[in-house]
Amino acid sequence: MMERHIVETKKGAALGFKFKMNKLPFMMVVADKGYMVANYFDQKVLEKVNDSAVLFTNVKSFPEMLRAKPAYVSKKAQKLGIKKTMTGKQVLDEFID
């Protein structure tokens, strides 16, 4: 089953998708300048397609994703100033135009 969510920060909002899987959900938050993904994604693919993306692992909800720090930041996202030391909320603020 797929759920859609509006994921908000003080700077704005983005569209979130959550798919229930066996142990962890497959999650994605899409914003203007990039996207955040969680679980079931491979960093090699993110680089191959040259997307501005951030990967989180072991998160089960959007609030948890916003509090977590990324496991991986793509090179293109790094060019926007995104760092692994940022929280998901800080990352999303940078991705919202």
N, C-alpha and C. Protein backbone atom coordinates (compact mmCIF):
# COMPACT_ATOMS: atom_id res chain seq x y z
N MET A 1 0.83 -1.18 0.00
CA MET A 1 0.00 0.00 0.00
C MET A 1 0.88 1.25 0.00
N MET A 2 0.47 2.25 -0.77
CA MET A 2 1.21 3.50 -0.84
C MET A 2 0.45 4.59 -0.10
N GLU A 3 1.21 5.40 0.65
CA GLU A 3 0.64 6.56 1.33
C GLU A 3 1.32 7.80 0.79
N ARG A 4 0.56 8.88 0.65
CA ARG A 4 1.12 10.17 0.28
C ARG A 4 1.03 11.10 1.49
N HIS A 5 2.07 11.89 1.67
CA HIS A 5 2.12 12.82 2.81
C HIS A 5 2.65 14.16 2.33
N ILE A 6 2.21 15.22 2.96
CA ILE A 6 2.83 16.52 2.80
C ILE A 6 3.83 16.63 3.95
N VAL A 7 5.10 16.80 3.61
CA VAL A 7 6.17 16.89 4.61
C VAL A 7 6.56 18.36 4.70
N GLU A 8 6.33 18.96 5.86
CA GLU A 8 6.51 20.40 6.01
C GLU A 8 7.69 20.77 6.90
N THR A 9 8.29 21.90 6.55
CA THR A 9 9.28 22.56 7.39
C THR A 9 8.87 24.03 7.44
N LYS A 10 9.60 24.84 8.17
CA LYS A 10 9.28 26.26 8.23
C LYS A 10 9.45 26.93 6.87
N LYS A 11 10.33 26.39 6.04
CA LYS A 11 10.61 27.00 4.73
C LYS A 11 9.55 26.66 3.69
N GLY A 12 8.86 25.54 3.85
CA GLY A 12 7.86 25.14 2.87
C GLY A 12 7.48 23.68 3.04
N ALA A 13 7.00 23.10 1.94
CA ALA A 13 6.53 21.72 1.99
C ALA A 13 6.98 20.94 0.77
N ALA A 14 7.01 19.63 0.91
CA ALA A 14 7.37 18.73 -0.17
C ALA A 14 6.44 17.52 -0.12
N LEU A 15 6.42 16.77 -1.20
CA LEU A 15 5.55 15.61 -1.29
C LEU A 15 6.30 14.35 -0.89
N GLY A 16 5.72 13.59 0.04
CA GLY A 16 6.33 12.36 0.50
C GLY A 16 5.52 11.14 0.08
N PHE A 17 6.22 10.08 -0.24
CA PHE A 17 5.61 8.80 -0.60
C PHE A 17 6.16 7.73 0.32
N LYS A 18 5.28 6.86 0.80
CA LYS A 18 5.70 5.79 1.70
C LYS A 18 5.02 4.50 1.26
N PHE A 19 5.84 3.49 1.01
CA PHE A 19 5.34 2.18 0.62
C PHE A 19 5.65 1.19 1.74
N LYS A 20 4.65 0.51 2.22
CA LYS A 20 4.87 -0.47 3.28
C LYS A 20 5.51 -1.72 2.68
N MET A 21 6.60 -2.14 3.28
CA MET A 21 7.32 -3.33 2.85
C MET A 21 7.38 -4.29 4.03
N ASN A 22 8.27 -5.26 3.98
CA ASN A 22 8.36 -6.25 5.06
C ASN A 22 8.81 -5.65 6.38
N LYS A 23 10.05 -5.17 6.47
CA LYS A 23 10.59 -4.69 7.74
C LYS A 23 10.63 -3.17 7.82
N LEU A 24 11.11 -2.54 6.78
CA LEU A 24 11.21 -1.08 6.75
C LEU A 24 10.45 -0.55 5.55
N PRO A 25 9.85 0.64 5.67
CA PRO A 25 9.14 1.19 4.52
C PRO A 25 10.10 1.76 3.48
N PHE A 26 9.65 1.79 2.26
CA PHE A 26 10.33 2.44 1.14
C PHE A 26 9.77 3.85 1.12
N MET A 27 10.63 4.87 1.34
CA MET A 27 10.16 6.24 1.49
C MET A 27 10.92 7.20 0.58
N MET A 28 10.21 8.25 0.14
CA MET A 28 10.81 9.26 -0.71
C MET A 28 10.11 10.59 -0.46
N VAL A 29 10.90 11.67 -0.35
CA VAL A 29 10.37 13.02 -0.23
C VAL A 29 10.95 13.81 -1.40
N VAL A 30 10.07 14.35 -2.23
CA VAL A 30 10.48 15.05 -3.45
C VAL A 30 10.29 16.55 -3.26
N ALA A 31 11.37 17.31 -3.47
CA ALA A 31 11.34 18.76 -3.35
C ALA A 31 11.85 19.39 -4.65
N ASP A 32 11.91 20.71 -4.68
CA ASP A 32 12.29 21.44 -5.89
C ASP A 32 13.71 21.14 -6.38
N LYS A 33 14.67 21.11 -5.47
CA LYS A 33 16.08 20.99 -5.86
C LYS A 33 16.66 19.60 -5.65
N GLY A 34 15.88 18.68 -5.12
CA GLY A 34 16.41 17.34 -4.88
C GLY A 34 15.41 16.50 -4.12
N TYR A 35 15.85 15.31 -3.75
CA TYR A 35 14.95 14.42 -3.01
C TYR A 35 15.70 13.65 -1.94
N MET A 36 14.91 13.20 -0.96
CA MET A 36 15.42 12.39 0.13
C MET A 36 14.77 11.02 0.01
N VAL A 37 15.56 9.98 0.16
CA VAL A 37 15.05 8.62 0.09
C VAL A 37 15.48 7.85 1.33
N ALA A 38 14.70 6.81 1.63
CA ALA A 38 15.04 6.01 2.80
C ALA A 38 14.81 4.54 2.50
N ASN A 39 15.81 3.75 2.89
CA ASN A 39 15.71 2.29 2.81
C ASN A 39 15.59 1.84 1.34
N TYR A 40 16.12 0.73 1.02
CA TYR A 40 15.98 0.10 -0.30
C TYR A 40 16.54 0.91 -1.47
N PHE A 41 17.41 1.84 -1.24
CA PHE A 41 18.05 2.59 -2.33
C PHE A 41 19.54 2.34 -2.30
N ASP A 42 20.17 2.45 -3.45
CA ASP A 42 21.60 2.21 -3.57
C ASP A 42 22.31 3.50 -3.97
N GLN A 43 23.35 3.85 -3.23
CA GLN A 43 24.05 5.10 -3.52
C GLN A 43 24.70 5.10 -4.90
N LYS A 44 25.10 3.95 -5.40
CA LYS A 44 25.70 3.89 -6.74
C LYS A 44 24.70 4.32 -7.81
N VAL A 45 23.46 3.94 -7.63
CA VAL A 45 22.42 4.34 -8.58
C VAL A 45 22.18 5.85 -8.51
N LEU A 46 22.16 6.41 -7.30
CA LEU A 46 21.96 7.85 -7.14
C LEU A 46 23.05 8.63 -7.87
N GLU A 47 24.28 8.14 -7.82
CA GLU A 47 25.38 8.80 -8.53
C GLU A 47 25.28 8.59 -10.04
N LYS A 48 24.91 7.39 -10.43
CA LYS A 48 24.84 7.06 -11.86
C LYS A 48 23.83 7.96 -12.58
N VAL A 49 22.70 8.22 -11.95
CA VAL A 49 21.69 9.07 -12.58
C VAL A 49 21.94 10.56 -12.33
N ASN A 50 23.00 10.87 -11.57
CA ASN A 50 23.43 12.25 -11.31
C ASN A 50 22.32 13.11 -10.71
N ASP A 51 21.65 12.56 -9.70
CA ASP A 51 20.59 13.30 -9.02
C ASP A 51 21.10 13.96 -7.75
N SER A 52 20.42 15.02 -7.37
CA SER A 52 20.68 15.66 -6.09
C SER A 52 19.82 14.93 -5.06
N ALA A 53 20.45 13.99 -4.36
CA ALA A 53 19.69 13.10 -3.48
C ALA A 53 20.43 12.81 -2.19
N VAL A 54 19.65 12.48 -1.17
CA VAL A 54 20.19 12.13 0.14
C VAL A 54 19.53 10.82 0.56
N LEU A 55 20.34 9.91 1.09
CA LEU A 55 19.86 8.59 1.50
C LEU A 55 19.88 8.45 3.02
N PHE A 56 18.76 8.02 3.57
CA PHE A 56 18.64 7.72 4.99
C PHE A 56 18.42 6.22 5.14
N THR A 57 18.86 5.67 6.24
CA THR A 57 18.64 4.24 6.48
C THR A 57 17.95 4.05 7.83
N ASN A 58 17.23 2.95 7.93
CA ASN A 58 16.59 2.53 9.18
C ASN A 58 15.64 3.56 9.78
N VAL A 59 14.90 4.26 8.93
CA VAL A 59 13.85 5.16 9.42
C VAL A 59 12.49 4.60 9.01
N LYS A 60 11.49 4.82 9.85
CA LYS A 60 10.17 4.23 9.61
C LYS A 60 9.07 5.25 9.37
N SER A 61 9.38 6.54 9.56
CA SER A 61 8.36 7.57 9.38
C SER A 61 9.01 8.86 8.88
N PHE A 62 8.18 9.77 8.37
CA PHE A 62 8.72 11.04 7.91
C PHE A 62 9.26 11.90 9.06
N PRO A 63 8.59 11.97 10.21
CA PRO A 63 9.19 12.71 11.33
C PRO A 63 10.55 12.15 11.73
N GLU A 64 10.68 10.83 11.69
CA GLU A 64 11.97 10.20 12.02
C GLU A 64 13.02 10.57 10.97
N MET A 65 12.62 10.60 9.71
CA MET A 65 13.54 10.98 8.64
C MET A 65 14.02 12.43 8.82
N LEU A 66 13.12 13.31 9.23
CA LEU A 66 13.49 14.72 9.42
C LEU A 66 14.46 14.91 10.59
N ARG A 67 14.40 14.02 11.58
CA ARG A 67 15.32 14.10 12.73
C ARG A 67 16.66 13.42 12.46
N ALA A 68 16.68 12.47 11.54
CA ALA A 68 17.88 11.66 11.28
C ALA A 68 18.92 12.43 10.47
N LYS A 69 20.13 11.90 10.51
CA LYS A 69 21.21 12.41 9.66
C LYS A 69 21.41 11.43 8.51
N PRO A 70 21.72 11.92 7.33
CA PRO A 70 21.83 11.03 6.17
C PRO A 70 23.00 10.06 6.26
N ALA A 71 22.78 8.89 5.69
CA ALA A 71 23.85 7.90 5.57
C ALA A 71 24.70 8.20 4.34
N TYR A 72 24.10 8.87 3.35
CA TYR A 72 24.82 9.17 2.12
C TYR A 72 24.26 10.45 1.49
N VAL A 73 25.15 11.28 0.96
CA VAL A 73 24.78 12.50 0.24
C VAL A 73 25.43 12.43 -1.14
N SER A 74 24.63 12.54 -2.18
CA SER A 74 25.18 12.47 -3.54
C SER A 74 26.10 13.65 -3.82
N LYS A 75 26.97 13.49 -4.79
CA LYS A 75 27.90 14.56 -5.15
C LYS A 75 27.15 15.81 -5.60
N LYS A 76 26.07 15.62 -6.34
CA LYS A 76 25.29 16.77 -6.80
C LYS A 76 24.64 17.50 -5.62
N ALA A 77 24.18 16.76 -4.61
CA ALA A 77 23.61 17.39 -3.42
C ALA A 77 24.69 18.11 -2.62
N GLN A 78 25.89 17.55 -2.59
CA GLN A 78 27.01 18.21 -1.91
C GLN A 78 27.29 19.57 -2.53
N LYS A 79 27.13 19.68 -3.84
CA LYS A 79 27.35 20.96 -4.52
C LYS A 79 26.34 22.01 -4.10
N LEU A 80 25.19 21.57 -3.59
CA LEU A 80 24.18 22.50 -3.06
C LEU A 80 24.45 22.87 -1.60
N GLY A 81 25.49 22.27 -1.02
CA GLY A 81 25.84 22.55 0.37
C GLY A 81 25.30 21.54 1.37
N ILE A 82 24.73 20.45 0.88
CA ILE A 82 24.20 19.42 1.77
C ILE A 82 25.35 18.61 2.35
N LYS A 83 25.27 18.35 3.67
CA LYS A 83 26.33 17.60 4.36
C LYS A 83 25.71 16.47 5.18
N LYS A 84 26.52 15.44 5.44
CA LYS A 84 26.06 14.30 6.26
C LYS A 84 25.81 14.70 7.71
N THR A 85 26.30 15.83 8.13
CA THR A 85 26.09 16.29 9.51
C THR A 85 24.75 16.99 9.70
N MET A 86 24.03 17.25 8.62
CA MET A 86 22.75 17.94 8.69
C MET A 86 21.63 16.96 9.05
N THR A 87 20.57 17.47 9.63
CA THR A 87 19.38 16.65 9.85
C THR A 87 18.55 16.62 8.57
N GLY A 88 17.63 15.68 8.50
CA GLY A 88 16.74 15.63 7.35
C GLY A 88 15.96 16.91 7.17
N LYS A 89 15.57 17.54 8.25
CA LYS A 89 14.84 18.81 8.18
C LYS A 89 15.71 19.89 7.54
N GLN A 90 16.98 19.96 7.93
CA GLN A 90 17.89 20.93 7.34
C GLN A 90 18.10 20.65 5.85
N VAL A 91 18.22 19.37 5.51
CA VAL A 91 18.38 18.98 4.10
C VAL A 91 17.15 19.41 3.31
N LEU A 92 15.97 19.11 3.82
CA LEU A 92 14.75 19.45 3.10
C LEU A 92 14.62 20.96 2.93
N ASP A 93 14.98 21.72 3.94
CA ASP A 93 14.96 23.18 3.80
C ASP A 93 15.84 23.64 2.64
N GLU A 94 16.98 23.00 2.46
CA GLU A 94 17.88 23.36 1.35
C GLU A 94 17.30 22.92 0.00
N PHE A 95 16.55 21.84 -0.02
CA PHE A 95 15.96 21.33 -1.26
C PHE A 95 14.70 22.08 -1.67
N ILE A 96 14.05 22.78 -0.74
CA ILE A 96 12.84 23.53 -1.05
C ILE A 96 13.23 24.89 -1.61
N ASP A 97 12.65 25.23 -2.76
CA ASP A 97 12.98 26.50 -3.42
C ASP A 97 11.98 27.56 -3.02
